[in-house]
PDB file of N, CA and C in Angstrom:
ATOM      1  N   MET A   1     -23.942  11.527  -1.182  1.00  0.00           N
ATOM      2  CA  MET A   1     -22.715  11.253  -0.446  1.00  0.00           C
ATOM      3  C   MET A   1     -21.609  10.930  -1.436  1.00  0.00           C
ATOM      4  N   ALA A   2     -20.437  11.462  -1.179  1.00  0.00           N
ATOM      5  CA  ALA A   2     -19.295  11.220  -2.054  1.00  0.00           C
ATOM      6  C   ALA A   2     -18.792   9.789  -1.866  1.00  0.00           C
ATOM      7  N   ALA A   3     -18.118   9.305  -2.868  1.00  0.00           N
ATOM      8  CA  ALA A   3     -17.544   7.959  -2.785  1.00  0.00           C
ATOM      9  C   ALA A   3     -16.449   7.934  -1.726  1.00  0.00           C
ATOM     10  N   THR A   4     -16.415   6.866  -0.964  1.00  0.00           N
ATOM     11  CA  THR A   4     -15.369   6.731   0.046  1.00  0.00           C
ATOM     12  C   THR A   4     -14.262   5.852  -0.489  1.00  0.00           C
ATOM     13  N   THR A   5     -13.068   6.133  -0.043  1.00  0.00           N
ATOM     14  CA  THR A   5     -11.901   5.386  -0.498  1.00  0.00           C
ATOM     15  C   THR A   5     -11.246   4.683   0.688  1.00  0.00           C
ATOM     16  N   THR A   6     -10.296   3.849   0.393  1.00  0.00           N
ATOM     17  CA  THR A   6      -9.530   3.182   1.441  1.00  0.00           C
ATOM     18  C   THR A   6      -8.790   4.215   2.274  1.00  0.00           C
ATOM     19  N   ARG A   7      -8.317   5.268   1.632  1.00  0.00           N
ATOM     20  CA  ARG A   7      -7.616   6.336   2.359  1.00  0.00           C
ATOM     21  C   ARG A   7      -8.553   7.032   3.346  1.00  0.00           C
ATOM     22  N   ASP A   8      -9.827   7.197   2.973  1.00  0.00           N
ATOM     23  CA  ASP A   8     -10.809   7.766   3.894  1.00  0.00           C
ATOM     24  C   ASP A   8     -10.998   6.854   5.106  1.00  0.00           C
ATOM     25  N   PHE A   9     -11.063   5.562   4.867  1.00  0.00           N
ATOM     26  CA  PHE A   9     -11.210   4.604   5.963  1.00  0.00           C
ATOM     27  C   PHE A   9     -10.000   4.661   6.891  1.00  0.00           C
ATOM     28  N   HIS A  10      -8.794   4.722   6.320  1.00  0.00           N
ATOM     29  CA  HIS A  10      -7.576   4.826   7.133  1.00  0.00           C
ATOM     30  C   HIS A  10      -7.584   6.111   7.953  1.00  0.00           C
ATOM     31  N   ALA A  11      -8.000   7.221   7.352  1.00  0.00           N
ATOM     32  CA  ALA A  11      -8.070   8.495   8.074  1.00  0.00           C
ATOM     33  C   ALA A  11      -9.062   8.393   9.230  1.00  0.00           C
ATOM     34  N   THR A  12     -10.180   7.702   9.027  1.00  0.00           N
ATOM     35  CA  THR A  12     -11.184   7.541  10.069  1.00  0.00           C
ATOM     36  C   THR A  12     -10.652   6.694  11.217  1.00  0.00           C
ATOM     37  N   VAL A  13      -9.972   5.592  10.904  1.00  0.00           N
ATOM     38  CA  VAL A  13      -9.416   4.724  11.944  1.00  0.00           C
ATOM     39  C   VAL A  13      -8.349   5.480  12.738  1.00  0.00           C
ATOM     40  N   LEU A  14      -7.486   6.218  12.066  1.00  0.00           N
ATOM     41  CA  LEU A  14      -6.473   7.006  12.770  1.00  0.00           C
ATOM     42  C   LEU A  14      -7.126   8.046  13.675  1.00  0.00           C
ATOM     43  N   ASN A  15      -8.222   8.663  13.204  1.00  0.00           N
ATOM     44  CA  ASN A  15      -8.939   9.635  14.009  1.00  0.00           C
ATOM     45  C   ASN A  15      -9.517   8.972  15.257  1.00  0.00           C
ATOM     46  N   LEU A  16     -10.081   7.781  15.122  1.00  0.00           N
ATOM     47  CA  LEU A  16     -10.639   7.068  16.266  1.00  0.00           C
ATOM     48  C   LEU A  16      -9.560   6.678  17.267  1.00  0.00           C
ATOM     49  N   LEU A  17      -8.336   6.467  16.794  1.00  0.00           N
ATOM     50  CA  LEU A  17      -7.216   6.134  17.675  1.00  0.00           C
ATOM     51  C   LEU A  17      -6.576   7.379  18.292  1.00  0.00           C
ATOM     52  N   GLY A  18      -7.042   8.553  17.886  1.00  0.00           N
ATOM     53  CA  GLY A  18      -6.538   9.789  18.473  1.00  0.00           C
ATOM     54  C   GLY A  18      -5.441  10.466  17.687  1.00  0.00           C
ATOM     55  N   PHE A  19      -5.202  10.041  16.456  1.00  0.00           N
ATOM     56  CA  PHE A  19      -4.164  10.639  15.615  1.00  0.00           C
ATOM     57  C   PHE A  19      -4.785  11.580  14.590  1.00  0.00           C
ATOM     58  N   ASP A  20      -4.062  12.649  14.285  1.00  0.00           N
ATOM     59  CA  ASP A  20      -4.456  13.528  13.189  1.00  0.00           C
ATOM     60  C   ASP A  20      -3.775  13.004  11.930  1.00  0.00           C
ATOM     61  N   HIS A  21      -4.534  12.478  11.002  1.00  0.00           N
ATOM     62  CA  HIS A  21      -3.940  11.832   9.827  1.00  0.00           C
ATOM     63  C   HIS A  21      -3.175  12.806   8.950  1.00  0.00           C
ATOM     64  N   GLN A  22      -3.463  14.090   9.041  1.00  0.00           N
ATOM     65  CA  GLN A  22      -2.743  15.068   8.227  1.00  0.00           C
ATOM     66  C   GLN A  22      -1.368  15.385   8.809  1.00  0.00           C
ATOM     67  N   ARG A  23      -1.188  15.152  10.091  1.00  0.00           N
ATOM     68  CA  ARG A  23       0.105  15.427  10.726  1.00  0.00           C
ATOM     69  C   ARG A  23       0.930  14.157  10.887  1.00  0.00           C
ATOM     70  N   PHE A  24       0.381  13.008  10.602  1.00  0.00           N
ATOM     71  CA  PHE A  24       1.055  11.725  10.775  1.00  0.00           C
ATOM     72  C   PHE A  24       1.873  11.433   9.517  1.00  0.00           C
ATOM     73  N   THR A  25       3.125  11.902   9.507  1.00  0.00           N
ATOM     74  CA  THR A  25       3.976  11.757   8.329  1.00  0.00           C
ATOM     75  C   THR A  25       5.245  10.992   8.669  1.00  0.00           C
ATOM     76  N   ILE A  26       5.819  10.414   7.642  1.00  0.00           N
ATOM     77  CA  ILE A  26       7.063   9.672   7.755  1.00  0.00           C
ATOM     78  C   ILE A  26       8.031  10.246   6.725  1.00  0.00           C
ATOM     79  N   ARG A  27       9.247  10.538   7.137  1.00  0.00           N
ATOM     80  CA  ARG A  27      10.259  11.042   6.205  1.00  0.00           C
ATOM     81  C   ARG A  27      11.055   9.860   5.662  1.00  0.00           C
ATOM     82  N   HIS A  28      11.111   9.759   4.333  1.00  0.00           N
ATOM     83  CA  HIS A  28      11.852   8.690   3.677  1.00  0.00           C
ATOM     84  C   HIS A  28      12.528   9.264   2.443  1.00  0.00           C
ATOM     85  N   LEU A  29      13.823   9.098   2.355  1.00  0.00           N
ATOM     86  CA  LEU A  29      14.624   9.605   1.237  1.00  0.00           C
ATOM     87  C   LEU A  29      14.414  11.105   1.023  1.00  0.00           C
ATOM     88  N   GLY A  30      14.271  11.840   2.115  1.00  0.00           N
ATOM     89  CA  GLY A  30      14.137  13.281   2.020  1.00  0.00           C
ATOM     90  C   GLY A  30      12.750  13.777   1.682  1.00  0.00           C
ATOM     91  N   LEU A  31      11.777  12.883   1.550  1.00  0.00           N
ATOM     92  CA  LEU A  31      10.406  13.278   1.240  1.00  0.00           C
ATOM     93  C   LEU A  31       9.492  12.887   2.385  1.00  0.00           C
ATOM     94  N   ASP A  32       8.464  13.680   2.609  1.00  0.00           N
ATOM     95  CA  ASP A  32       7.474  13.363   3.624  1.00  0.00           C
ATOM     96  C   ASP A  32       6.341  12.559   2.990  1.00  0.00           C
ATOM     97  N   PHE A  33       6.003  11.436   3.607  1.00  0.00           N
ATOM     98  CA  PHE A  33       4.915  10.595   3.144  1.00  0.00           C
ATOM     99  C   PHE A  33       3.866  10.494   4.237  1.00  0.00           C
ATOM    100  N   ARG A  34       2.605  10.479   3.844  1.00  0.00           N
ATOM    101  CA  ARG A  34       1.511  10.274   4.785  1.00  0.00           C
ATOM    102  C   ARG A  34       0.948   8.877   4.587  1.00  0.00           C
ATOM    103  N   LEU A  35       0.475   8.308   5.678  1.00  0.00           N
ATOM    104  CA  LEU A  35      -0.162   7.003   5.579  1.00  0.00           C
ATOM    105  C   LEU A  35      -1.404   7.078   4.696  1.00  0.00           C
ATOM    106  N   THR A  36      -2.082   8.208   4.735  1.00  0.00           N
ATOM    107  CA  THR A  36      -3.288   8.374   3.928  1.00  0.00           C
ATOM    108  C   THR A  36      -2.987   8.972   2.556  1.00  0.00           C
ATOM    109  N   GLY A  37      -1.725   9.153   2.220  1.00  0.00           N
ATOM    110  CA  GLY A  37      -1.338   9.635   0.889  1.00  0.00           C
ATOM    111  C   GLY A  37      -1.422  11.136   0.769  1.00  0.00           C
ATOM    112  N   VAL A  38      -1.073  11.613  -0.398  1.00  0.00           N
ATOM    113  CA  VAL A  38      -1.063  13.049  -0.638  1.00  0.00           C
ATOM    114  C   VAL A  38      -2.435  13.565  -1.053  1.00  0.00           C
ATOM    115  N   GLU A  39      -3.318  12.670  -1.420  1.00  0.00           N
ATOM    116  CA  GLU A  39      -4.674  13.078  -1.763  1.00  0.00           C
ATOM    117  C   GLU A  39      -5.388  13.541  -0.502  1.00  0.00           C
ATOM    118  N   HIS A  40      -6.479  14.207  -0.673  1.00  0.00           N
ATOM    119  CA  HIS A  40      -7.224  14.730   0.471  1.00  0.00           C
ATOM    120  C   HIS A  40      -8.150  13.661   1.023  1.00  0.00           C
ATOM    121  N   ALA A  41      -7.633  12.895   1.962  1.00  0.00           N
ATOM    122  CA  ALA A  41      -8.460  11.903   2.639  1.00  0.00           C
ATOM    123  C   ALA A  41      -9.333  12.622   3.657  1.00  0.00           C
ATOM    124  N   ARG A  42     -10.503  12.083   3.891  1.00  0.00           N
ATOM    125  CA  ARG A  42     -11.410  12.714   4.844  1.00  0.00           C
ATOM    126  C   ARG A  42     -11.858  11.694   5.867  1.00  0.00           C
ATOM    127  N   VAL A  43     -12.186  12.191   7.049  1.00  0.00           N
ATOM    128  CA  VAL A  43     -12.729  11.348   8.102  1.00  0.00           C
ATOM    129  C   VAL A  43     -14.214  11.123   7.795  1.00  0.00           C
ATOM    130  N   ILE A  44     -14.672   9.894   7.914  1.00  0.00           N
ATOM    131  CA  ILE A  44     -16.055   9.548   7.606  1.00  0.00           C
ATOM    132  C   ILE A  44     -16.864   9.588   8.912  1.00  0.00           C
ATOM    133  N   PRO A  45     -17.653  10.654   9.125  1.00  0.00           N
ATOM    134  CA  PRO A  45     -18.381  10.782  10.388  1.00  0.00           C
ATOM    135  C   PRO A  45     -19.456   9.709  10.572  1.00  0.00           C
ATOM    136  N   GLU A  46     -19.978   9.157   9.494  1.00  0.00           N
ATOM    137  CA  GLU A  46     -21.035   8.149   9.593  1.00  0.00           C
ATOM    138  C   GLU A  46     -20.522   6.869  10.268  1.00  0.00           C
ATOM    139  N   LEU A  47     -19.219   6.577  10.157  1.00  0.00           N
ATOM    140  CA  LEU A  47     -18.654   5.391  10.781  1.00  0.00           C
ATOM    141  C   LEU A  47     -18.394   5.585  12.269  1.00  0.00           C
ATOM    142  N   MET A  48     -18.360   6.831  12.710  1.00  0.00           N
ATOM    143  CA  MET A  48     -18.039   7.111  14.098  1.00  0.00           C
ATOM    144  C   MET A  48     -19.283   7.146  14.983  1.00  0.00           C
ATOM    145  N   ALA A  49     -20.448   7.018  14.394  1.00  0.00           N
ATOM    146  CA  ALA A  49     -21.686   7.085  15.184  1.00  0.00           C
ATOM    147  C   ALA A  49     -21.939   5.807  15.950  1.00  0.00           C
TER     148      ALA A  49
END
């Protein structure tokens, strides 16, 4: 199993709340920011069981 990060946990919580973490962006100073960052955060299926 790959190492999990805080961003993975945030992506999982957003998924459980019904949000797509890849589409959840905020525009600030002309740039789009994601809550889970620009890195590839993943949803952790083991936490959803």
